[in-house]
Amino acid sequence: MTPVNARVCLLVTLLIPLLAGCGLIWRWTTRPFSLSCALEDGSEKTIRVDPRLQQVQELDPGTGEVRDTITTNEPPEDLGGGIVDDSKVIVSQGEIHWNQRMYRPQFVSESHTIDLQTLGYRGELAIGSDYGAEVDAQSMTGTCRQLEPLP
């Protein structure tokens, strides 16, 4: 066996276990999963996350029924602000982040982030009037836990 062939065999031998592990990580990060978050005010937030679809579903904590489905919806800039509701979902290996901005008689903005390393939850809600610069803002923190997948 030549030195070049020996190096190639060694490289292949070292890469096979590494690439097999990447496949396991990839499958885990692409499967839907659910989290239940206990918030500091005593309430509970339950979500189902689908990384492949970059989608978050907010569930009723008692029944598990879907209350809202959030995906990325960014209207074209030529429509201008305040015309169409918009939302954004980012699911990465480090965190889940979703936000929604709704334009009604008042402006409502929700932002949620869950750190997947610590399972810490942080949420913000802002409500503002179209007629003035006043904005009411509220922040919330909490801790999440992963729910067992359904059979």
Protein backbone atom coordinates (compact mmCIF):
# COMPACT_ATOMS: atom_id res chain seq x y z
CA MET A 1 0.00 0.00 0.00
CA THR A 2 1.43 3.37 -1.00
CA PRO A 3 1.67 6.21 1.51
CA VAL A 4 -1.05 8.14 -0.38
CA ASN A 5 -3.45 5.15 -0.26
CA ALA A 6 -2.70 4.66 3.45
CA ARG A 7 -3.57 8.32 4.14
CA VAL A 8 -6.82 8.04 2.18
CA CYS A 9 -7.78 4.87 4.09
CA LEU A 10 -7.01 6.56 7.41
CA LEU A 11 -9.01 9.66 6.44
CA VAL A 12 -12.02 7.57 5.38
CA THR A 13 -11.80 5.52 8.59
CA LEU A 14 -11.84 8.71 10.68
CA LEU A 15 -14.62 10.41 8.70
CA ILE A 16 -17.19 7.57 8.71
CA PRO A 17 -18.07 7.82 12.44
CA LEU A 18 -18.08 11.60 12.25
CA LEU A 19 -20.46 11.69 9.27
CA ALA A 20 -22.73 9.10 10.87
CA GLY A 21 -23.04 11.35 13.94
CA CYS A 22 -23.91 14.32 11.72
CA GLY A 23 -26.78 12.30 10.28
CA LEU A 24 -28.20 11.72 13.77
CA ILE A 25 -27.93 15.41 14.64
CA TRP A 26 -29.56 16.40 11.33
CA ARG A 27 -32.50 14.04 11.89
CA TRP A 28 -33.05 15.41 15.41
CA THR A 29 -33.02 19.01 14.25
CA THR A 30 -35.49 18.36 11.44
CA ARG A 31 -38.15 16.51 13.45
CA PRO A 32 -41.03 18.42 15.05
CA PHE A 33 -40.90 18.68 18.85
CA SER A 34 -42.99 20.28 21.61
CA LEU A 35 -42.05 22.45 24.56
CA SER A 36 -43.98 23.52 27.62
CA CYS A 37 -42.88 26.77 29.26
CA ALA A 38 -43.74 27.87 32.81
CA LEU A 39 -43.78 31.68 32.83
CA GLU A 40 -42.93 33.92 35.77
CA ASP A 41 -46.56 35.08 36.15
CA GLY A 42 -47.71 31.48 36.76
CA SER A 43 -49.13 30.94 33.26
CA GLU A 44 -48.01 28.27 30.82
CA LYS A 45 -47.11 28.45 27.11
CA THR A 46 -47.05 25.26 25.05
CA ILE A 47 -45.63 25.19 21.53
CA ARG A 48 -44.92 22.69 18.77
CA VAL A 49 -41.89 23.50 16.61
CA ASP A 50 -41.27 22.16 13.09
CA PRO A 51 -37.69 23.09 12.09
CA ARG A 52 -38.13 21.90 8.48
CA LEU A 53 -41.08 24.21 7.92
CA GLN A 54 -39.64 26.99 10.13
CA GLN A 55 -43.02 26.97 11.88
CA VAL A 56 -44.23 27.42 15.47
CA GLN A 57 -47.69 26.38 16.62
CA GLU A 58 -49.00 27.80 19.89
CA LEU A 59 -51.08 25.12 21.63
CA ASP A 60 -53.72 25.28 24.32
CA PRO A 61 -51.86 24.00 27.43
CA GLY A 62 -54.92 22.08 28.65
CA THR A 63 -56.22 20.46 25.47
CA GLY A 64 -53.22 20.55 23.14
CA GLU A 65 -55.36 22.10 20.38
CA VAL A 66 -53.63 24.51 17.99
CA ARG A 67 -54.43 28.14 18.87
CA ASP A 68 -52.19 29.81 16.30
CA THR A 69 -49.72 28.81 13.60
CA ILE A 70 -46.84 31.21 12.95
CA THR A 71 -44.65 31.06 9.85
CA THR A 72 -42.56 33.68 8.12
CA ASN A 73 -44.79 36.11 6.28
CA GLU A 74 -42.98 39.24 5.14
CA PRO A 75 -45.08 41.38 2.79
CA PRO A 76 -43.31 43.18 -0.07
CA GLU A 77 -41.81 46.52 0.94
CA ASP A 78 -43.75 48.36 -1.76
CA LEU A 79 -46.95 47.82 0.26
CA GLY A 80 -45.55 50.02 3.01
CA GLY A 81 -45.66 49.56 6.75
CA GLY A 82 -48.91 49.23 8.59
CA ILE A 83 -50.84 47.70 5.71
CA VAL A 84 -50.34 43.96 6.18
CA ASP A 85 -49.53 41.87 9.26
CA ASP A 86 -46.13 40.25 9.21
CA SER A 87 -44.37 37.49 11.11
CA LYS A 88 -41.00 35.76 11.18
CA VAL A 89 -39.86 32.38 12.51
CA ILE A 90 -36.23 31.32 12.91
CA VAL A 91 -35.49 27.83 14.22
CA SER A 92 -31.79 27.11 14.59
CA GLN A 93 -29.77 24.65 16.64
CA GLY A 94 -29.24 27.35 19.29
CA GLU A 95 -32.65 28.98 19.61
CA ILE A 96 -36.22 29.32 18.49
CA HIS A 97 -37.37 32.85 17.74
CA TRP A 98 -40.71 34.01 16.44
CA ASN A 99 -42.36 37.39 16.25
CA GLN A 100 -45.56 38.84 14.94
CA ARG A 101 -46.54 42.42 14.17
CA MET A 102 -50.21 43.17 13.73
CA TYR A 103 -51.70 46.43 12.59
CA ARG A 104 -55.18 47.10 13.92
CA PRO A 105 -56.50 50.36 15.26
CA GLN A 106 -53.39 49.94 17.40
CA PHE A 107 -50.00 48.39 16.66
CA VAL A 108 -49.31 45.07 18.46
CA SER A 109 -45.91 43.40 18.42
CA GLU A 110 -45.07 40.06 20.04
CA SER A 111 -41.58 38.58 20.22
CA HIS A 112 -40.63 35.19 21.71
CA THR A 113 -37.24 33.51 22.10
CA ILE A 114 -36.33 30.13 23.60
CA ASP A 115 -32.66 29.32 24.13
CA LEU A 116 -32.30 25.62 23.30
CA GLN A 117 -29.19 25.22 25.48
CA THR A 118 -30.73 26.53 28.72
CA LEU A 119 -34.42 26.20 27.72
CA GLY A 120 -34.91 29.76 29.00
CA TYR A 121 -37.91 31.65 27.60
CA ARG A 122 -38.07 35.40 26.97
CA GLY A 123 -41.12 37.16 25.57
CA GLU A 124 -42.05 40.77 24.88
CA LEU A 125 -45.35 42.39 24.04
CA ALA A 126 -45.72 45.99 22.83
CA ILE A 127 -48.99 47.79 22.09
CA GLY A 128 -48.99 51.24 20.55
CA SER A 129 -51.58 53.65 19.21
CA ASP A 130 -51.60 54.94 15.63
CA TYR A 131 -52.44 58.36 17.03
CA GLY A 132 -49.47 58.85 19.29
CA ALA A 133 -46.00 57.78 20.24
CA GLU A 134 -47.10 56.01 23.43
CA VAL A 135 -46.24 52.33 23.57
CA ASP A 136 -47.09 49.98 26.43
CA ALA A 137 -44.45 47.25 26.74
CA GLN A 138 -44.36 44.12 28.85
CA SER A 139 -41.60 41.51 29.23
CA MET A 140 -41.92 37.94 30.47
CA THR A 141 -39.38 35.23 31.27
CA GLY A 142 -39.74 31.57 32.08
CA THR A 143 -38.29 28.08 31.85
CA CYS A 144 -39.24 25.42 29.30
CA ARG A 145 -39.05 21.66 29.20
CA GLN A 146 -39.31 19.31 26.25
CA LEU A 147 -42.50 17.27 26.10
CA GLU A 148 -42.42 13.59 25.22
CA PRO A 149 -43.35 12.97 21.59
CA LEU A 150 -46.72 11.43 20.93
CA PRO A 151 -46.67 7.80 19.71
